[in-house]
């Protein structure tokens, strides 16, 4: 099925919206219980998703050493969680985010080699280089290595890990996929070049169909330029949704989720995102640009681009935080009926904006339940989503070659 829509599920934590944990159908307490993970894994497999993907962080949350009071954003170890979820599923892939900066090739090869065997060939590695400056002190360092240095190091780590997996595969018993599926999510020029040489699946933000087309065309061109086959790489932009029986009802449901948040939660979310404590500022006051740029631990130029336009317009801090919270991380948020959502997904796939989507439910587990029960059957009836898995490995689900050489 050349026009098949691939589906990944980002199910970690509370859901896409910072206020989603307060929704009546949310179960925030479940993120520490195996029964919860068994339930959401079964739902994703029922929806014939290719994979579940979990992120990771190596620093504590909170701006400037402050512990968030209102935000529910737990991040547990992804390899442990996904390996546990393998025990209650049979086909769905399991993609864990692990850093190359703070893990050796030997450690990575062993962890994912074990995961690959335990899951029967369903493992994937989302390769990150670690971007949060607060991580470095946790590993006895004052600062992160420069970005270009982190990416050069990542190339070496991935190449060495692949050599180690090849040796494991030859020594036996064979690894079911040869090695895990390699995934990447970098958006910068360095990140895109790294993805072009390494990744077999790429996660990205794309708020519009035009942005999706531009990103996919750019990555496919980069992949071809390094001598790889663009058709052997899956582009999977993030997608969240709020559904309703009518478009008006969906918009009302969306507004109800947003209304769960007050100014304090919005400013706390903005603080965590900008890595600068803004909780002591008046929501009705101006955006404190100078304070943010002086205190943020993130690259100041990136933060300035995010806040300066609103500040120049005189947007109050609380209003800016509320807008920021309505569009988390720059991903597409669809509001409408299940039929409209299916049509949108088909349109994006047919226009070359993606190979599929990484679903980020608006809240958990209710948002996932709505999508699986209401949208999946429509896509299957249209012949755009599988009704059965094609095999037992993640590579089979993605339609990828058994294994591919990583370009140096």
Protein backbone atom coordinates (compact mmCIF):
# COMPACT_ATOMS: atom_id res chain seq x y z
CA UNK A 1 0.00 0.00 0.00
CA UNK A 2 2.09 2.92 -1.29
CA UNK A 3 -0.41 5.46 0.02
CA UNK A 4 -0.65 3.96 3.50
CA UNK A 5 -0.65 6.41 6.40
CA UNK A 6 1.85 5.41 9.07
CA UNK A 7 0.94 6.18 12.67
CA UNK A 8 3.17 6.68 15.68
CA UNK A 9 1.90 7.50 19.15
CA UNK A 10 3.61 9.81 21.63
CA UNK A 11 1.85 8.67 24.80
CA UNK A 12 4.19 9.76 27.53
CA UNK A 13 2.91 11.75 30.47
CA UNK A 14 -0.28 13.78 30.60
CA UNK A 15 -0.95 14.56 26.95
CA UNK A 16 -0.33 17.45 24.57
CA UNK A 17 -1.94 20.35 26.42
CA UNK A 18 -0.43 21.51 29.74
CA UNK A 19 -3.95 21.74 31.19
CA UNK A 20 -5.01 18.34 29.88
CA UNK A 21 -4.23 16.53 33.12
CA UNK A 22 -7.23 18.28 34.71
CA UNK A 23 -9.72 16.96 32.11
CA UNK A 24 -12.41 14.64 33.57
CA UNK A 25 -11.26 11.83 31.26
CA UNK A 26 -7.58 12.25 32.10
CA UNK A 27 -5.81 9.86 34.47
CA UNK A 28 -2.64 11.69 35.56
CA UNK A 29 -2.14 9.34 38.51
CA UNK A 30 -1.86 6.44 36.07
CA UNK A 31 1.54 7.47 34.72
CA UNK A 32 3.15 5.67 37.67
CA UNK A 33 1.16 2.43 37.27
CA UNK A 34 1.74 -0.52 34.94
CA UNK A 35 -1.99 -1.04 34.42
CA UNK A 36 -2.15 2.40 32.77
CA UNK A 37 0.69 1.60 30.36
CA UNK A 38 -0.81 -1.77 29.54
CA UNK A 39 -4.09 -0.05 28.67
CA UNK A 40 -2.60 2.63 26.40
CA UNK A 41 -0.27 0.14 24.69
CA UNK A 42 -3.23 -2.11 23.89
CA UNK A 43 -5.16 0.88 22.52
CA UNK A 44 -2.30 1.89 20.23
CA UNK A 45 -1.92 -1.66 18.98
CA UNK A 46 -5.68 -1.86 18.43
CA UNK A 47 -5.28 1.25 16.24
CA UNK A 48 -2.54 -0.51 14.26
CA UNK A 49 0.05 2.14 15.08
CA UNK A 50 3.58 1.41 13.87
CA UNK A 51 5.13 2.47 17.14
CA UNK A 52 4.89 4.10 20.53
CA UNK A 53 7.62 6.71 21.10
CA UNK A 54 8.72 8.05 24.47
CA UNK A 55 10.97 11.02 25.14
CA UNK A 56 13.46 11.48 27.93
CA UNK A 57 15.16 14.24 29.86
CA UNK A 58 18.34 14.18 31.88
CA UNK A 59 17.67 17.37 33.86
CA UNK A 60 15.04 18.21 36.45
CA UNK A 61 12.10 20.32 35.36
CA UNK A 62 11.64 23.88 36.52
CA UNK A 63 13.14 27.24 35.63
CA UNK A 64 16.16 28.46 37.53
CA UNK A 65 16.06 25.63 40.06
CA UNK A 66 12.38 26.21 40.91
CA UNK A 67 10.16 23.13 41.17
CA UNK A 68 6.94 23.53 39.12
CA UNK A 69 3.84 23.61 41.31
CA UNK A 70 1.00 23.26 38.81
CA UNK A 71 2.50 21.36 35.92
CA UNK A 72 2.11 17.60 35.65
CA UNK A 73 4.89 16.56 33.27
CA UNK A 74 6.45 13.33 34.55
CA UNK A 75 9.19 11.75 32.47
CA UNK A 76 10.09 8.21 33.48
CA UNK A 77 12.87 6.14 31.95
CA UNK A 78 11.69 5.31 28.40
CA UNK A 79 13.63 2.07 27.93
CA UNK A 80 12.22 0.58 31.14
CA UNK A 81 8.64 1.63 30.31
CA UNK A 82 8.71 0.47 26.71
CA UNK A 83 10.29 -2.88 27.52
CA UNK A 84 7.54 -3.43 30.09
CA UNK A 85 4.92 -2.51 27.47
CA UNK A 86 6.42 -5.10 25.13
CA UNK A 87 5.16 -7.79 27.50
CA UNK A 88 1.52 -6.80 26.90
CA UNK A 89 1.75 -6.27 23.11
CA UNK A 90 2.76 -8.39 20.14
CA UNK A 91 3.34 -6.13 17.14
CA UNK A 92 3.68 -2.45 17.96
CA UNK A 93 7.14 -0.88 17.79
CA UNK A 94 8.75 0.72 20.85
CA UNK A 95 10.95 3.79 20.29
CA UNK A 96 13.03 5.12 23.19
CA UNK A 97 14.83 8.47 23.30
CA UNK A 98 18.43 8.17 24.53
CA UNK A 99 21.26 10.72 24.35
CA UNK A 100 24.58 10.17 22.57
CA UNK A 101 26.27 12.87 24.63
CA UNK A 102 25.88 11.11 27.96
CA UNK A 103 25.98 7.44 26.95
CA UNK A 104 28.85 5.45 25.47
CA UNK A 105 28.40 3.35 22.31
CA UNK A 106 28.90 0.24 24.42
CA UNK A 107 26.16 1.21 26.86
CA UNK A 108 23.78 2.04 24.02
CA UNK A 109 24.53 -1.13 22.11
CA UNK A 110 23.91 -3.27 25.17
CA UNK A 111 20.67 -1.54 26.20
CA UNK A 112 19.13 -1.56 22.76
CA UNK A 113 20.52 -5.00 21.94
CA UNK A 114 18.68 -6.32 24.99
CA UNK A 115 15.53 -4.39 24.08
CA UNK A 116 15.71 -5.70 20.51
CA UNK A 117 15.84 -9.32 21.67
CA UNK A 118 13.28 -8.95 24.46
CA UNK A 119 10.76 -7.30 22.12
CA UNK A 120 11.33 -9.69 19.23
CA UNK A 121 12.54 -6.97 16.86
CA UNK A 122 10.33 -4.03 17.78
CA UNK A 123 12.91 -1.58 19.13
CA UNK A 124 13.74 1.89 17.86
CA UNK A 125 16.25 4.49 19.04
CA UNK A 126 15.32 8.18 18.93
CA UNK A 127 18.80 9.69 18.79
CA UNK A 128 19.28 12.99 20.63
CA UNK A 129 22.41 14.94 21.54
CA UNK A 130 20.90 16.69 24.62
CA UNK A 131 20.15 20.38 24.29
CA UNK A 132 19.16 21.49 27.80
CA UNK A 133 22.04 23.30 29.56
CA UNK A 134 20.88 22.15 33.01
CA UNK A 135 21.87 18.59 32.08
CA UNK A 136 25.63 19.14 32.14
CA UNK A 137 26.01 19.57 35.93
CA UNK A 138 24.24 16.25 36.47
CA UNK A 139 27.23 14.64 34.76
CA UNK A 140 29.96 16.63 36.49
CA UNK A 141 30.36 19.20 33.71
CA UNK A 142 29.86 22.96 33.86
CA UNK A 143 28.45 23.33 30.35
CA UNK A 144 27.15 21.29 27.46
CA UNK A 145 29.60 20.75 24.61
CA UNK A 146 28.96 23.12 21.67
CA UNK A 147 26.19 22.02 19.32
CA UNK A 148 28.42 21.21 16.36
CA UNK A 149 30.68 19.18 18.64
CA UNK A 150 27.68 17.25 20.01
CA UNK A 151 26.60 16.31 16.49
CA UNK A 152 30.11 15.25 15.44
CA UNK A 153 30.28 13.08 18.54
CA UNK A 154 26.83 11.66 17.81
CA UNK A 155 27.94 10.48 14.37
CA UNK A 156 30.82 8.58 15.92
CA UNK A 157 28.64 7.09 18.67
CA UNK A 158 25.97 5.88 16.23
CA UNK A 159 28.56 4.40 13.85
CA UNK A 160 30.28 2.54 16.70
CA UNK A 161 26.97 1.30 18.13
CA UNK A 162 26.04 -0.04 14.70
CA UNK A 163 29.37 -1.88 14.52
CA UNK A 164 28.66 -3.44 17.90
CA UNK A 165 25.15 -4.51 16.84
CA UNK A 166 26.60 -6.06 13.70
CA UNK A 167 29.00 -8.06 15.85
CA UNK A 168 26.17 -9.16 18.16
CA UNK A 169 24.13 -10.19 15.14
CA UNK A 170 26.97 -12.31 13.73
CA UNK A 171 27.90 -13.89 17.03
CA UNK A 172 24.29 -14.90 17.67
CA UNK A 173 21.65 -15.34 18.44
CA UNK A 174 20.84 -12.94 15.61
CA UNK A 175 19.17 -9.63 16.39
CA UNK A 176 15.66 -9.82 14.88
CA UNK A 177 16.04 -6.53 12.95
CA UNK A 178 19.84 -6.49 12.74
CA UNK A 179 19.71 -3.35 14.86
CA UNK A 180 17.04 -0.97 16.17
CA UNK A 181 15.30 1.42 13.79
CA UNK A 182 17.16 4.75 13.94
CA UNK A 183 14.99 7.81 14.58
CA UNK A 184 15.89 11.51 14.74
CA UNK A 185 14.07 14.76 15.45
CA UNK A 186 16.58 17.58 14.89
CA UNK A 187 15.27 20.71 13.16
CA UNK A 188 18.41 22.83 12.78
CA UNK A 189 20.73 22.58 9.78
CA UNK A 190 23.03 20.33 11.83
CA UNK A 191 20.08 18.22 12.93
CA UNK A 192 18.73 17.83 9.40
CA UNK A 193 22.13 16.85 8.03
CA UNK A 194 22.55 14.30 10.81
CA UNK A 195 19.06 12.92 10.14
CA UNK A 196 19.76 12.68 6.41
CA UNK A 197 22.83 10.53 7.04
CA UNK A 198 21.44 8.43 9.86
CA UNK A 199 17.69 8.35 10.40
CA UNK A 200 15.17 5.88 9.05
CA UNK A 201 12.28 7.82 10.57
CA UNK A 202 12.13 11.52 11.40
CA UNK A 203 9.83 13.26 13.88
CA UNK A 204 9.22 16.97 13.24
CA UNK A 205 6.79 19.83 13.89
CA UNK A 206 4.68 21.00 10.93
CA UNK A 207 1.85 23.36 11.80
CA UNK A 208 0.59 23.57 8.20
CA UNK A 209 0.51 21.33 5.14
CA UNK A 210 2.89 23.76 3.41
CA UNK A 211 5.39 23.44 6.26
CA UNK A 212 5.11 19.66 6.04
CA UNK A 213 5.77 19.67 2.28
CA UNK A 214 8.79 21.96 2.69
CA UNK A 215 10.30 19.85 5.46
CA UNK A 216 9.76 16.53 3.72
CA UNK A 217 11.11 17.81 0.39
CA UNK A 218 14.17 19.24 2.15
CA UNK A 219 14.92 16.03 4.05
CA UNK A 220 14.37 13.80 1.03
CA UNK A 221 16.79 15.95 -0.97
CA UNK A 222 19.39 15.78 1.80
CA UNK A 223 18.96 12.00 2.05
CA UNK A 224 19.48 11.62 -1.71
CA UNK A 225 22.54 13.90 -1.60
CA UNK A 226 24.34 11.53 0.78
CA UNK A 227 23.56 8.52 -1.40
CA UNK A 228 20.65 7.07 0.55
CA UNK A 229 17.21 6.15 -0.76
CA UNK A 230 14.62 8.80 0.26
CA UNK A 231 11.87 6.19 -0.01
CA UNK A 232 13.53 4.31 2.88
CA UNK A 233 12.96 7.21 5.30
CA UNK A 234 9.63 7.98 6.97
CA UNK A 235 8.74 11.60 7.82
CA UNK A 236 6.32 11.68 10.79
CA UNK A 237 5.21 15.19 11.86
CA UNK A 238 3.47 15.67 15.19
CA UNK A 239 -0.31 15.91 15.25
CA UNK A 240 -2.73 16.60 18.08
CA UNK A 241 -6.49 16.82 17.86
CA UNK A 242 -9.72 17.61 19.65
CA UNK A 243 -12.74 15.89 18.12
CA UNK A 244 -16.47 16.52 18.22
CA UNK A 245 -19.68 15.43 16.53
CA UNK A 246 -19.59 18.75 14.67
CA UNK A 247 -16.83 21.26 14.03
CA UNK A 248 -18.50 23.64 16.47
CA UNK A 249 -18.56 20.96 19.17
CA UNK A 250 -14.86 20.20 18.58
CA UNK A 251 -14.00 23.88 19.02
CA UNK A 252 -16.07 23.97 22.19
CA UNK A 253 -14.26 20.89 23.50
CA UNK A 254 -10.94 22.54 22.70
CA UNK A 255 -11.94 25.72 24.52
CA UNK A 256 -12.98 23.66 27.54
CA UNK A 257 -9.51 22.11 27.75
CA UNK A 258 -7.83 25.51 27.51
CA UNK A 259 -10.21 26.99 30.08
CA UNK A 260 -8.90 24.51 32.64
CA UNK A 261 -5.73 26.62 32.77
CA UNK A 262 -5.46 29.94 34.57
CA UNK A 263 -2.80 32.63 34.22
CA UNK A 264 -0.60 30.96 36.80
CA UNK A 265 -0.45 27.66 34.91
CA UNK A 266 0.16 29.45 31.62
CA UNK A 267 3.05 31.44 33.04
CA UNK A 268 4.48 28.34 34.69
CA UNK A 269 4.41 26.49 31.36
CA UNK A 270 6.08 29.47 29.67
CA UNK A 271 8.70 29.56 32.43
CA UNK A 272 9.54 25.89 31.93
CA UNK A 273 9.70 26.33 28.16
CA UNK A 274 11.91 29.45 28.27
CA UNK A 275 13.97 28.13 31.19
CA UNK A 276 13.43 31.34 33.15
CA UNK A 277 11.25 31.79 36.24
CA UNK A 278 8.43 34.22 35.37
CA UNK A 279 6.02 33.22 38.13
CA UNK A 280 6.68 36.36 40.12
CA UNK A 281 5.67 38.73 37.32
CA UNK A 282 2.26 40.37 36.90
CA UNK A 283 0.24 38.58 34.15
CA UNK A 284 -1.21 41.96 33.15
CA UNK A 285 2.25 43.50 32.83
CA UNK A 286 4.64 43.61 29.92
CA UNK A 287 6.74 40.65 28.85
CA UNK A 288 10.01 41.10 30.82
CA UNK A 289 12.30 40.68 27.84
CA UNK A 290 15.48 41.88 29.55
CA UNK A 291 14.97 39.56 32.53
CA UNK A 292 14.24 36.58 30.31
CA UNK A 293 17.30 37.12 28.12
CA UNK A 294 19.49 37.68 31.17
CA UNK A 295 18.35 34.60 33.06
CA UNK A 296 17.44 31.95 30.46
CA UNK A 297 19.73 28.95 30.20
CA UNK A 298 18.70 28.40 26.58
CA UNK A 299 20.30 30.07 23.52
CA UNK A 300 19.42 33.75 23.86
CA UNK A 301 19.00 34.34 20.12
CA UNK A 302 16.36 31.60 19.90
CA UNK A 303 14.49 32.96 22.91
CA UNK A 304 14.65 36.52 21.57
CA UNK A 305 13.04 35.41 18.31
CA UNK A 306 10.22 33.76 20.26
CA UNK A 307 9.34 36.67 22.55
CA UNK A 308 10.38 39.91 20.82
CA UNK A 309 7.51 40.24 18.29
CA UNK A 310 4.85 39.91 21.00
CA UNK A 311 6.74 42.24 23.32
CA UNK A 312 7.01 44.91 20.61
CA UNK A 313 3.23 44.69 20.11
CA UNK A 314 2.69 45.31 23.82
CA UNK A 315 1.16 41.89 24.45
CA UNK A 316 0.70 41.32 28.21
CA UNK A 317 2.66 38.45 29.76
CA UNK A 318 -0.47 36.47 30.69
CA UNK A 319 -1.92 36.80 27.20
CA UNK A 320 1.35 35.74 25.59
CA UNK A 321 1.58 32.73 27.94
CA UNK A 322 -2.00 31.73 27.12
CA UNK A 323 -1.29 31.90 23.37
CA UNK A 324 1.95 29.94 23.87
CA UNK A 325 0.04 27.24 25.72
CA UNK A 326 -2.56 26.97 22.93
CA UNK A 327 0.12 25.95 20.42
CA UNK A 328 2.61 23.79 22.34
CA UNK A 329 5.85 23.09 20.53
CA UNK A 330 4.61 24.31 17.14
CA UNK A 331 2.72 21.17 16.09
CA UNK A 332 -0.50 20.91 14.09
CA UNK A 333 -3.63 20.86 16.27
CA UNK A 334 -6.70 19.62 14.41
CA UNK A 335 -10.21 20.61 15.54
CA UNK A 336 -13.17 18.95 13.84
CA UNK A 337 -15.13 15.76 13.30
CA UNK A 338 -13.53 12.32 12.93
CA UNK A 339 -14.45 12.36 9.22
CA UNK A 340 -12.79 15.75 8.75
CA UNK A 341 -9.67 14.56 10.54
CA UNK A 342 -9.40 11.48 8.34
CA UNK A 343 -9.77 13.69 5.26
CA UNK A 344 -7.06 16.04 6.54
CA UNK A 345 -4.64 13.18 7.15
CA UNK A 346 -5.26 11.74 3.70
CA UNK A 347 -4.79 15.17 2.11
CA UNK A 348 -1.44 15.66 3.84
CA UNK A 349 -0.24 12.21 2.82
CA UNK A 350 -1.32 12.64 -0.80
CA UNK A 351 0.25 16.11 -1.04
CA UNK A 352 3.64 14.76 0.06
CA UNK A 353 3.59 16.59 3.39
CA UNK A 354 4.38 13.43 5.36
CA UNK A 355 4.52 9.65 5.35
CA UNK A 356 2.32 9.54 8.40
CA UNK A 357 1.80 11.24 11.74
CA UNK A 358 3.03 11.10 15.31
CA UNK A 359 -0.18 11.44 17.28
CA UNK A 360 0.07 13.44 20.49
CA UNK A 361 -3.29 13.04 22.26
CA UNK A 362 -4.67 16.21 23.78
CA UNK A 363 -5.01 14.45 27.14
CA UNK A 364 -4.47 10.88 28.25
CA UNK A 365 -5.94 8.38 27.86
CA UNK A 366 -9.21 9.92 26.61
CA UNK A 367 -7.68 11.63 23.60
CA UNK A 368 -6.11 8.38 22.42
CA UNK A 369 -9.40 6.52 22.95
CA UNK A 370 -11.26 9.05 20.78
CA UNK A 371 -8.79 8.76 17.92
CA UNK A 372 -8.63 4.95 17.94
CA UNK A 373 -12.38 4.50 18.23
CA UNK A 374 -13.50 7.28 15.89
CA UNK A 375 -10.78 8.11 13.33
CA UNK A 376 -8.97 4.80 12.82
CA UNK A 377 -12.06 2.93 11.46
CA UNK A 378 -12.60 5.68 8.86
CA UNK A 379 -9.00 5.50 7.65
CA UNK A 380 -9.22 1.71 7.49
CA UNK A 381 -12.49 1.83 5.56
CA UNK A 382 -10.84 4.19 3.07
CA UNK A 383 -7.96 1.74 2.62
CA UNK A 384 -5.41 4.19 4.01
CA UNK A 385 -4.55 2.40 7.25
CA UNK A 386 -3.76 -1.27 7.70
CA UNK A 387 -6.24 -3.58 9.37
CA UNK A 388 -3.55 -6.11 10.29
CA UNK A 389 0.17 -5.85 10.94
CA UNK A 390 2.40 -7.03 8.04
CA UNK A 391 4.89 -8.76 10.31
CA UNK A 392 6.30 -8.88 13.81
CA UNK A 393 9.04 -6.23 13.60
CA UNK A 394 9.03 -2.44 13.54
CA UNK A 395 10.84 -2.48 10.20
CA UNK A 396 8.05 -4.57 8.72
CA UNK A 397 5.42 -2.13 10.00
CA UNK A 398 7.34 0.81 8.52
CA UNK A 399 8.01 -0.98 5.23
CA UNK A 400 11.77 -0.48 5.67
CA UNK A 401 14.66 -2.64 4.43
CA UNK A 402 15.92 -5.25 6.85
CA UNK A 403 18.94 -3.07 7.61
CA UNK A 404 20.79 -0.17 6.09
CA UNK A 405 24.36 1.09 6.41
CA UNK A 406 24.70 4.35 8.33
CA UNK A 407 26.48 7.02 6.27
CA UNK A 408 29.58 8.42 7.99
